[in-house]
């Protein structure tokens, strides 16, 4: 293509493909794209993320850099802007805050384009109680599910009573049975934690069955609904060759409320007296004595 020389307002332009008239457009495109990226960066947090006091946010107004601020959310939940004054931020998502600021600025700017970027997350906290390693205050640095919290706690999940977990949220108790979540991976039970949640994860010691004496692996096993004496013996590796199956003891309760059941497991093993295969309850103590030769 041939270069074309022409004059506009005392400027000489050479090459009809690239002119001084086009250069501002070339500059505008990348700057506009950068602003779009900032705009979306401000909403990169999921709408599940709620701003709270002590969070630090950056507010930018396209074309009005003097109106931009980087401020913490005050204890009263508000932020202050050069125009628009105080605006409620706590309790809103970054996207909701962006829209609220834009609406407030319409009195001063015809079509304000606002970005809100979360610079520091200091507010979302949950409170963990129970006999767990990290009991106390935990800051949510990102979205966290109940399963991710369990993973963070580490240790043996078997030490936790997953069937009696509960969350206090908005002064209401939400009971959770997380055993199915852990054992079956049911996604609908993997709820998202929210700031202010109080999570109780009790240990399983009060919900265990203890098996002692002539069994392959004496110790504690986790109680579950429907667990029987025979189930407990099987989970303990069954009895040794020295076990007295005719007088297996199940001790239930303590003090004046203590009861002792003497079960002839030898008969149950033969398919007789199946009704004596005792249904266990949390805290039962099973003792398999050594038989006398």
Protein backbone atom coordinates (compact mmCIF):
# COMPACT_ATOMS: atom_id res chain seq x y z
CA UNK A 1 0.00 0.00 0.00
CA UNK A 2 1.27 3.43 -0.91
CA UNK A 3 1.93 5.97 1.79
CA UNK A 4 -0.56 8.81 1.66
CA UNK A 5 0.31 12.25 2.95
CA UNK A 6 -2.50 14.50 4.18
CA UNK A 7 -2.94 17.40 6.60
CA UNK A 8 -5.42 17.80 9.46
CA UNK A 9 -5.25 20.81 11.81
CA UNK A 10 -1.59 21.55 11.04
CA UNK A 11 -0.51 17.91 11.61
CA UNK A 12 1.00 15.92 8.80
CA UNK A 13 0.05 12.20 8.82
CA UNK A 14 1.97 9.62 6.81
CA UNK A 15 0.66 6.12 6.14
CA UNK A 16 -3.11 5.85 6.16
CA UNK A 17 -2.86 2.70 8.32
CA UNK A 18 -1.18 4.43 11.31
CA UNK A 19 -1.97 8.04 12.10
CA UNK A 20 -1.78 10.27 15.13
CA UNK A 21 -5.57 10.12 15.17
CA UNK A 22 -5.30 6.35 15.71
CA UNK A 23 -2.60 6.41 18.39
CA UNK A 24 -4.94 7.55 21.18
CA UNK A 25 -7.15 4.56 20.32
CA UNK A 26 -4.18 2.21 20.60
CA UNK A 27 -3.42 3.65 24.05
CA UNK A 28 -7.06 3.53 25.14
CA UNK A 29 -7.54 -0.18 24.40
CA UNK A 30 -4.89 -1.63 26.75
CA UNK A 31 -5.75 0.87 29.51
CA UNK A 32 -9.44 0.00 29.20
CA UNK A 33 -8.60 -3.72 29.30
CA UNK A 34 -6.53 -3.15 32.43
CA UNK A 35 -9.47 -1.42 34.07
CA UNK A 36 -11.77 -4.29 33.10
CA UNK A 37 -9.33 -6.70 34.73
CA UNK A 38 -9.33 -4.59 37.89
CA UNK A 39 -13.08 -4.43 37.80
CA UNK A 40 -13.37 -8.20 37.69
CA UNK A 41 -10.57 -8.61 40.20
CA UNK A 42 -12.79 -6.73 42.61
CA UNK A 43 -15.45 -9.39 42.17
CA UNK A 44 -13.14 -12.37 42.01
CA UNK A 45 -14.26 -13.38 45.48
CA UNK A 46 -17.36 -15.53 45.31
CA UNK A 47 -20.63 -13.94 46.41
CA UNK A 48 -20.37 -16.30 49.38
CA UNK A 49 -17.59 -14.04 50.71
CA UNK A 50 -19.01 -11.36 52.99
CA UNK A 51 -17.03 -8.27 53.93
CA UNK A 52 -16.58 -7.52 57.60
CA UNK A 53 -14.81 -5.14 59.96
CA UNK A 54 -11.02 -4.94 59.62
CA UNK A 55 -11.05 -6.14 56.01
CA UNK A 56 -9.00 -3.81 53.80
CA UNK A 57 -10.45 -2.91 50.41
CA UNK A 58 -9.33 -0.79 47.49
CA UNK A 59 -11.96 1.32 45.75
CA UNK A 60 -11.12 2.73 42.30
CA UNK A 61 -13.23 5.05 40.15
CA UNK A 62 -12.43 4.93 36.43
CA UNK A 63 -11.40 8.35 35.16
CA UNK A 64 -11.27 9.81 38.67
CA UNK A 65 -8.12 8.48 40.35
CA UNK A 66 -8.32 11.18 43.02
CA UNK A 67 -11.49 9.53 44.32
CA UNK A 68 -9.87 6.14 44.83
CA UNK A 69 -9.06 4.97 48.35
CA UNK A 70 -7.61 1.96 50.15
CA UNK A 71 -9.38 1.70 53.48
CA UNK A 72 -10.22 -0.78 56.21
CA UNK A 73 -13.81 -1.53 57.04
CA UNK A 74 -14.46 0.25 60.33
CA UNK A 75 -15.81 -1.50 63.43
CA UNK A 76 -19.22 0.06 62.65
CA UNK A 77 -19.10 -1.72 59.29
CA UNK A 78 -18.71 1.40 57.14
CA UNK A 79 -16.05 2.93 54.89
CA UNK A 80 -15.52 6.61 54.07
CA UNK A 81 -15.17 7.91 50.50
CA UNK A 82 -14.10 11.38 49.30
CA UNK A 83 -17.49 11.60 47.56
CA UNK A 84 -20.52 9.86 48.93
CA UNK A 85 -19.41 9.95 52.54
CA UNK A 86 -19.93 6.88 54.69
CA UNK A 87 -21.14 3.71 52.99
CA UNK A 88 -22.07 0.43 54.64
CA UNK A 89 -19.58 -2.29 53.62
CA UNK A 90 -19.84 -5.01 56.26
CA UNK A 91 -22.41 -7.62 55.36
CA UNK A 92 -22.02 -7.02 51.62
CA UNK A 93 -20.13 -8.96 48.99
CA UNK A 94 -17.52 -7.01 46.96
CA UNK A 95 -19.96 -7.02 44.05
CA UNK A 96 -22.78 -5.62 46.16
CA UNK A 97 -20.51 -2.93 47.59
CA UNK A 98 -19.35 -1.96 44.11
CA UNK A 99 -22.96 -1.45 43.03
CA UNK A 100 -23.79 0.51 46.21
CA UNK A 101 -20.83 2.88 45.67
CA UNK A 102 -21.73 3.38 42.01
CA UNK A 103 -25.32 4.22 42.98
CA UNK A 104 -24.10 6.73 45.58
CA UNK A 105 -21.74 8.42 43.10
CA UNK A 106 -24.42 8.98 40.46
CA UNK A 107 -25.17 12.29 42.14
CA UNK A 108 -21.66 13.46 41.21
CA UNK A 109 -20.61 11.34 38.21
CA UNK A 110 -22.92 10.55 35.30
CA UNK A 111 -21.97 6.90 34.80
CA UNK A 112 -19.46 5.92 37.50
CA UNK A 113 -17.44 2.77 36.88
CA UNK A 114 -16.31 1.35 40.19
CA UNK A 115 -14.00 -1.49 41.14
CA UNK A 116 -13.69 -3.01 44.60
CA UNK A 117 -10.64 -5.14 45.33
CA UNK A 118 -10.20 -7.04 48.59
CA UNK A 119 -6.61 -6.36 49.66
CA UNK A 120 -6.62 -8.06 53.08
CA UNK A 121 -9.04 -10.50 54.65
CA UNK A 122 -9.08 -10.00 58.40
CA UNK A 123 -12.69 -10.32 59.42
CA UNK A 124 -14.13 -13.78 58.69
CA UNK A 125 -13.60 -15.86 61.81
CA UNK A 126 -15.04 -19.11 63.01
CA UNK A 127 -14.92 -20.51 66.52
CA UNK A 128 -14.05 -24.15 67.07
CA UNK A 129 -14.85 -25.91 70.31
CA UNK A 130 -14.27 -29.48 71.40
CA UNK A 131 -11.30 -31.68 72.16
CA UNK A 132 -9.53 -30.88 68.87
CA UNK A 133 -6.05 -29.61 68.13
CA UNK A 134 -7.01 -26.12 66.89
CA UNK A 135 -9.84 -25.31 69.28
CA UNK A 136 -10.30 -21.55 69.47
CA UNK A 137 -10.54 -18.78 66.88
CA UNK A 138 -9.73 -19.59 63.24
CA UNK A 139 -9.52 -16.89 60.56
CA UNK A 140 -11.07 -17.84 57.22
CA UNK A 141 -8.54 -16.80 54.61
CA UNK A 142 -10.70 -18.25 51.85
CA UNK A 143 -13.91 -20.16 51.49
CA UNK A 144 -13.78 -23.23 53.71
CA UNK A 145 -16.11 -26.20 53.88
CA UNK A 146 -16.68 -28.37 56.92
CA UNK A 147 -14.69 -31.17 55.27
CA UNK A 148 -11.74 -28.84 54.67
CA UNK A 149 -11.90 -27.89 58.34
CA UNK A 150 -11.71 -31.56 59.32
CA UNK A 151 -8.69 -32.00 57.05
CA UNK A 152 -7.02 -28.96 58.60
CA UNK A 153 -7.43 -30.39 62.09
CA UNK A 154 -5.30 -33.40 61.18
CA UNK A 155 -4.99 -36.40 63.46
CA UNK A 156 -7.24 -39.42 63.36
CA UNK A 157 -10.83 -38.70 62.37
CA UNK A 158 -11.71 -41.82 64.33
CA UNK A 159 -11.08 -39.80 67.50
CA UNK A 160 -13.94 -37.45 66.57
CA UNK A 161 -17.63 -38.09 67.03
CA UNK A 162 -18.71 -37.17 63.50
CA UNK A 163 -22.35 -37.97 64.20
CA UNK A 164 -22.72 -35.25 66.86
CA UNK A 165 -21.17 -32.24 65.14
CA UNK A 166 -23.21 -29.06 65.26
CA UNK A 167 -22.89 -25.43 64.18
CA UNK A 168 -24.32 -22.38 65.95
CA UNK A 169 -25.20 -19.87 63.21
CA UNK A 170 -27.32 -16.77 63.73
CA UNK A 171 -28.24 -18.06 67.20
CA UNK A 172 -29.64 -21.26 65.72
CA UNK A 173 -28.26 -24.77 66.10
CA UNK A 174 -27.60 -26.81 62.96
CA UNK A 175 -26.97 -30.50 63.72
CA UNK A 176 -24.68 -32.35 61.32
CA UNK A 177 -23.97 -36.04 60.82
CA UNK A 178 -20.66 -35.98 58.98
CA UNK A 179 -20.04 -39.71 58.97
CA UNK A 180 -21.78 -40.09 55.61
CA UNK A 181 -19.77 -37.17 54.26
CA UNK A 182 -16.48 -38.78 55.28
CA UNK A 183 -17.38 -42.37 54.42
CA UNK A 184 -19.51 -41.82 51.31
CA UNK A 185 -18.39 -38.40 50.09
CA UNK A 186 -21.92 -36.95 49.97
CA UNK A 187 -21.28 -33.46 48.59
CA UNK A 188 -24.57 -31.99 49.80
CA UNK A 189 -23.46 -32.47 53.41
CA UNK A 190 -20.21 -30.56 52.82
CA UNK A 191 -21.60 -27.18 53.83
CA UNK A 192 -19.73 -23.90 53.42
CA UNK A 193 -18.68 -22.28 56.68
CA UNK A 194 -19.59 -18.66 57.33
CA UNK A 195 -18.01 -15.95 59.42
CA UNK A 196 -19.17 -16.15 63.01
CA UNK A 197 -19.96 -19.86 62.91
CA UNK A 198 -19.38 -21.75 66.16
CA UNK A 199 -18.51 -25.35 65.34
CA UNK A 200 -18.61 -28.07 67.97
CA UNK A 201 -16.77 -31.29 67.16
CA UNK A 202 -16.88 -33.57 70.22
CA UNK A 203 -14.41 -36.37 70.68
CA UNK A 204 -15.62 -39.93 70.45
CA UNK A 205 -14.45 -41.16 73.86
CA UNK A 206 -17.94 -40.90 75.33
CA UNK A 207 -19.29 -42.66 72.27
CA UNK A 208 -17.02 -45.69 72.25
CA UNK A 209 -17.20 -49.34 73.17
CA UNK A 210 -14.24 -50.77 75.09
CA UNK A 211 -13.27 -54.40 74.56
CA UNK A 212 -10.77 -56.00 76.95
CA UNK A 213 -9.45 -59.45 77.74
CA UNK A 214 -9.00 -62.40 75.43
CA UNK A 215 -9.50 -60.75 72.05
CA UNK A 216 -7.01 -60.29 69.23
CA UNK A 217 -6.91 -56.48 69.48
CA UNK A 218 -8.17 -55.12 72.81
CA UNK A 219 -9.10 -51.45 72.87
CA UNK A 220 -11.79 -49.00 71.83
CA UNK A 221 -14.11 -49.22 68.84
CA UNK A 222 -16.47 -46.56 67.55
CA UNK A 223 -20.09 -46.99 68.51
CA UNK A 224 -22.69 -46.95 65.77
CA UNK A 225 -26.41 -47.57 65.77
CA UNK A 226 -27.24 -51.29 65.72
CA UNK A 227 -23.85 -52.44 66.99
CA UNK A 228 -24.13 -55.80 68.79
CA UNK A 229 -21.84 -57.79 71.08
CA UNK A 230 -20.86 -60.12 68.23
CA UNK A 231 -20.12 -57.09 65.99
CA UNK A 232 -17.81 -55.66 68.64
CA UNK A 233 -15.95 -58.94 69.05
CA UNK A 234 -15.50 -59.24 65.30
CA UNK A 235 -14.18 -55.66 65.06
CA UNK A 236 -11.72 -56.55 67.82
CA UNK A 237 -10.32 -59.39 65.73
CA UNK A 238 -12.48 -62.03 67.45
CA UNK A 239 -11.49 -63.95 70.55
CA UNK A 240 -8.28 -65.82 71.26
CA UNK A 241 -8.05 -69.56 71.79
CA UNK A 242 -7.97 -68.95 75.55
CA UNK A 243 -11.27 -67.06 75.69
CA UNK A 244 -14.14 -68.22 77.86
CA UNK A 245 -17.05 -67.76 75.44
CA UNK A 246 -19.60 -69.01 77.94
CA UNK A 247 -19.23 -66.01 80.26
CA UNK A 248 -18.57 -62.83 78.30
CA UNK A 249 -19.35 -59.79 80.41
CA UNK A 250 -20.91 -56.53 79.25
CA UNK A 251 -20.74 -53.81 81.92
CA UNK A 252 -23.02 -50.83 81.37
CA UNK A 253 -23.14 -47.59 83.35
CA UNK A 254 -21.32 -46.59 86.50
CA UNK A 255 -21.97 -46.39 90.23
CA UNK A 256 -25.41 -47.31 91.48
CA UNK A 257 -26.74 -47.47 87.91
CA UNK A 258 -24.19 -50.04 86.77
CA UNK A 259 -25.51 -53.24 85.22
CA UNK A 260 -23.60 -56.39 84.28
CA UNK A 261 -24.78 -58.78 81.58
CA UNK A 262 -23.29 -62.29 81.32
CA UNK A 263 -23.61 -63.58 77.76
CA UNK A 264 -22.99 -67.12 76.50
CA UNK A 265 -21.35 -66.29 73.19
CA UNK A 266 -20.65 -69.99 72.57
CA UNK A 267 -24.39 -70.58 72.10
CA UNK A 268 -24.77 -67.55 69.83
CA UNK A 269 -21.87 -68.85 67.76
CA UNK A 270 -23.82 -72.11 67.29
CA UNK A 271 -26.88 -70.20 66.13
CA UNK A 272 -28.72 -70.63 69.42
CA UNK A 273 -30.07 -68.00 71.80
CA UNK A 274 -29.60 -65.31 69.15
CA UNK A 275 -31.80 -62.97 71.15
CA UNK A 276 -29.01 -62.74 73.73
CA UNK A 277 -26.73 -61.03 71.19
CA UNK A 278 -26.91 -57.79 73.17
CA UNK A 279 -27.47 -54.46 71.45
CA UNK A 280 -24.69 -52.22 72.71
CA UNK A 281 -24.95 -48.62 73.86
CA UNK A 282 -22.21 -45.94 74.04
CA UNK A 283 -19.82 -46.52 76.93
CA UNK A 284 -20.35 -50.29 77.22
CA UNK A 285 -17.38 -52.26 78.52
CA UNK A 286 -16.91 -55.79 77.20
CA UNK A 287 -14.67 -58.21 79.09
CA UNK A 288 -13.74 -61.57 77.62
CA UNK A 289 -12.29 -63.67 80.43
CA UNK A 290 -9.70 -66.39 80.14
CA UNK A 291 -11.14 -69.85 80.44
CA UNK A 292 -9.90 -72.18 83.14
CA UNK A 293 -8.28 -75.38 81.95
